[in-house]
């Protein structure tokens, strides 16, 4: 697998996933929970594309094809992990907004 292409696929999909999560948070703030949940589902689907590329790279490494990792791949992994963290936190925040609305 071409490492530069893989890194860009990870960055692009992770970035899109993170953006969808923040859109979900914005919708939840307005009380639009169904739309927020829809955005979170989309975010999970897009994140999986990035994760699949990462898994393919890991599989290649396990098979003995050890790639030379550069700053671009480190950057891609950073995007992937921050996207995952944002999604996890935003999913919790959406639930908090739902709870707050129910309490009111």
C-alpha atoms as a PDB file:
ATOM      1  CA  UNK A   1       0.000   0.000   0.000  1.00  0.00           C
ATOM      2  CA  UNK A   2       1.277   3.476  -0.848  1.00  0.00           C
ATOM      3  CA  UNK A   3       1.928   5.124   2.520  1.00  0.00           C
ATOM      4  CA  UNK A   4       1.292   8.671   1.356  1.00  0.00           C
ATOM      5  CA  UNK A   5      -2.062   7.710  -0.138  1.00  0.00           C
ATOM      6  CA  UNK A   6      -2.962   5.719   2.971  1.00  0.00           C
ATOM      7  CA  UNK A   7      -2.047   8.635   5.218  1.00  0.00           C
ATOM      8  CA  UNK A   8      -4.161  11.038   3.194  1.00  0.00           C
ATOM      9  CA  UNK A   9      -7.119   8.627   3.279  1.00  0.00           C
ATOM     10  CA  UNK A  10      -6.805   8.409   7.052  1.00  0.00           C
ATOM     11  CA  UNK A  11      -6.525  12.199   7.447  1.00  0.00           C
ATOM     12  CA  UNK A  12      -9.439  12.886   5.112  1.00  0.00           C
ATOM     13  CA  UNK A  13     -11.834  10.370   6.604  1.00  0.00           C
ATOM     14  CA  UNK A  14     -10.857  11.100  10.201  1.00  0.00           C
ATOM     15  CA  UNK A  15     -11.298  14.823   9.568  1.00  0.00           C
ATOM     16  CA  UNK A  16     -14.702  14.314   7.989  1.00  0.00           C
ATOM     17  CA  UNK A  17     -15.757  12.113  10.888  1.00  0.00           C
ATOM     18  CA  UNK A  18     -14.671  14.734  13.409  1.00  0.00           C
ATOM     19  CA  UNK A  19     -16.547  17.467  11.505  1.00  0.00           C
ATOM     20  CA  UNK A  20     -19.719  15.367  11.477  1.00  0.00           C
ATOM     21  CA  UNK A  21     -19.392  14.902  15.235  1.00  0.00           C
ATOM     22  CA  UNK A  22     -19.196  18.629  15.825  1.00  0.00           C
ATOM     23  CA  UNK A  23     -22.223  19.106  13.554  1.00  0.00           C
ATOM     24  CA  UNK A  24     -24.026  16.585  15.774  1.00  0.00           C
ATOM     25  CA  UNK A  25     -23.060  18.551  18.863  1.00  0.00           C
ATOM     26  CA  UNK A  26     -24.382  21.751  17.331  1.00  0.00           C
ATOM     27  CA  UNK A  27     -27.671  20.037  16.502  1.00  0.00           C
ATOM     28  CA  UNK A  28     -27.952  18.631  20.028  1.00  0.00           C
ATOM     29  CA  UNK A  29     -27.470  22.115  21.482  1.00  0.00           C
ATOM     30  CA  UNK A  30     -30.567  23.148  19.530  1.00  0.00           C
ATOM     31  CA  UNK A  31     -32.519  20.115  20.717  1.00  0.00           C
ATOM     32  CA  UNK A  32     -32.464  18.405  17.318  1.00  0.00           C
ATOM     33  CA  UNK A  33     -31.546  14.996  18.709  1.00  0.00           C
ATOM     34  CA  UNK A  34     -32.692  12.790  15.840  1.00  0.00           C
ATOM     35  CA  UNK A  35     -30.563  14.787  13.408  1.00  0.00           C
ATOM     36  CA  UNK A  36     -27.670  14.726  15.876  1.00  0.00           C
ATOM     37  CA  UNK A  37     -27.883  10.937  16.114  1.00  0.00           C
ATOM     38  CA  UNK A  38     -27.949  10.716  12.328  1.00  0.00           C
ATOM     39  CA  UNK A  39     -24.747  12.775  12.116  1.00  0.00           C
ATOM     40  CA  UNK A  40     -23.095  10.559  14.721  1.00  0.00           C
ATOM     41  CA  UNK A  41     -24.011   7.450  12.704  1.00  0.00           C
ATOM     42  CA  UNK A  42     -22.499   9.072   9.594  1.00  0.00           C
ATOM     43  CA  UNK A  43     -19.399   9.954  11.602  1.00  0.00           C
ATOM     44  CA  UNK A  44     -18.988   6.334  12.699  1.00  0.00           C
ATOM     45  CA  UNK A  45     -19.296   5.106   9.098  1.00  0.00           C
ATOM     46  CA  UNK A  46     -16.709   7.573   7.816  1.00  0.00           C
ATOM     47  CA  UNK A  47     -14.393   6.825  10.737  1.00  0.00           C
ATOM     48  CA  UNK A  48     -14.518   3.131   9.815  1.00  0.00           C
ATOM     49  CA  UNK A  49     -13.058   3.957   6.394  1.00  0.00           C
ATOM     50  CA  UNK A  50     -10.036   5.520   8.077  1.00  0.00           C
ATOM     51  CA  UNK A  51      -9.787   2.656  10.532  1.00  0.00           C
ATOM     52  CA  UNK A  52      -9.878   0.098   7.710  1.00  0.00           C
ATOM     53  CA  UNK A  53      -6.862   1.756   6.087  1.00  0.00           C
ATOM     54  CA  UNK A  54      -5.041   1.701   9.421  1.00  0.00           C
ATOM     55  CA  UNK A  55      -5.921  -1.987   9.891  1.00  0.00           C
ATOM     56  CA  UNK A  56      -4.619  -2.803   6.424  1.00  0.00           C
ATOM     57  CA  UNK A  57      -1.310  -1.115   7.251  1.00  0.00           C
ATOM     58  CA  UNK A  58      -1.059  -2.982  10.541  1.00  0.00           C
ATOM     59  CA  UNK A  59      -1.801  -6.274   8.773  1.00  0.00           C
ATOM     60  CA  UNK A  60       0.951  -5.598   6.240  1.00  0.00           C
ATOM     61  CA  UNK A  61       3.390  -4.875   9.047  1.00  0.00           C
ATOM     62  CA  UNK A  62       2.454  -8.086  10.887  1.00  0.00           C
ATOM     63  CA  UNK A  63       3.093  -9.970   7.643  1.00  0.00           C
ATOM     64  CA  UNK A  64       6.644  -8.593   7.588  1.00  0.00           C
ATOM     65  CA  UNK A  65       6.177  -5.625   5.270  1.00  0.00           C
ATOM     66  CA  UNK A  66       7.463  -2.994   7.672  1.00  0.00           C
ATOM     67  CA  UNK A  67       6.955   0.442   6.166  1.00  0.00           C
ATOM     68  CA  UNK A  68       9.197   3.434   6.759  1.00  0.00           C
ATOM     69  CA  UNK A  69       6.993   5.683   8.875  1.00  0.00           C
ATOM     70  CA  UNK A  70       7.356   9.406   8.357  1.00  0.00           C
ATOM     71  CA  UNK A  71       5.831  12.521   9.809  1.00  0.00           C
ATOM     72  CA  UNK A  72       2.847  12.311   7.434  1.00  0.00           C
ATOM     73  CA  UNK A  73       1.787   8.941   8.855  1.00  0.00           C
ATOM     74  CA  UNK A  74       2.300  10.171  12.404  1.00  0.00           C
ATOM     75  CA  UNK A  75       0.097  13.132  11.516  1.00  0.00           C
ATOM     76  CA  UNK A  76      -2.529  10.772  10.088  1.00  0.00           C
ATOM     77  CA  UNK A  77      -2.549   8.654  13.236  1.00  0.00           C
ATOM     78  CA  UNK A  78      -2.937  11.814  15.311  1.00  0.00           C
ATOM     79  CA  UNK A  79      -5.991  12.786  13.250  1.00  0.00           C
ATOM     80  CA  UNK A  80      -7.454   9.306  13.641  1.00  0.00           C
ATOM     81  CA  UNK A  81      -7.095   9.259  17.405  1.00  0.00           C
ATOM     82  CA  UNK A  82      -8.359  12.821  17.958  1.00  0.00           C
ATOM     83  CA  UNK A  83     -11.337  12.006  15.775  1.00  0.00           C
ATOM     84  CA  UNK A  84     -12.104   8.953  17.887  1.00  0.00           C
ATOM     85  CA  UNK A  85     -11.761  10.942  21.097  1.00  0.00           C
ATOM     86  CA  UNK A  86     -13.996  13.733  19.754  1.00  0.00           C
ATOM     87  CA  UNK A  87     -16.642  11.205  18.764  1.00  0.00           C
ATOM     88  CA  UNK A  88     -16.603   9.506  22.145  1.00  0.00           C
ATOM     89  CA  UNK A  89     -16.883  12.784  24.022  1.00  0.00           C
ATOM     90  CA  UNK A  90     -19.506  14.269  21.721  1.00  0.00           C
ATOM     91  CA  UNK A  91     -21.666  11.141  21.957  1.00  0.00           C
ATOM     92  CA  UNK A  92     -21.639  11.626  25.733  1.00  0.00           C
ATOM     93  CA  UNK A  93     -22.403  15.328  25.382  1.00  0.00           C
ATOM     94  CA  UNK A  94     -25.379  14.630  23.121  1.00  0.00           C
ATOM     95  CA  UNK A  95     -26.726  12.295  25.800  1.00  0.00           C
ATOM     96  CA  UNK A  96     -26.210  15.011  28.411  1.00  0.00           C
ATOM     97  CA  UNK A  97     -28.171  17.505  26.309  1.00  0.00           C
ATOM     98  CA  UNK A  98     -30.983  14.949  25.992  1.00  0.00           C
ATOM     99  CA  UNK A  99     -31.013  14.406  29.738  1.00  0.00           C
ATOM    100  CA  UNK A 100     -31.030  18.142  30.426  1.00  0.00           C
ATOM    101  CA  UNK A 101     -33.976  18.621  28.108  1.00  0.00           C
ATOM    102  CA  UNK A 102     -35.893  15.814  29.834  1.00  0.00           C
ATOM    103  CA  UNK A 103     -35.193  17.300  33.282  1.00  0.00           C
ATOM    104  CA  UNK A 104     -36.514  20.708  32.234  1.00  0.00           C
END
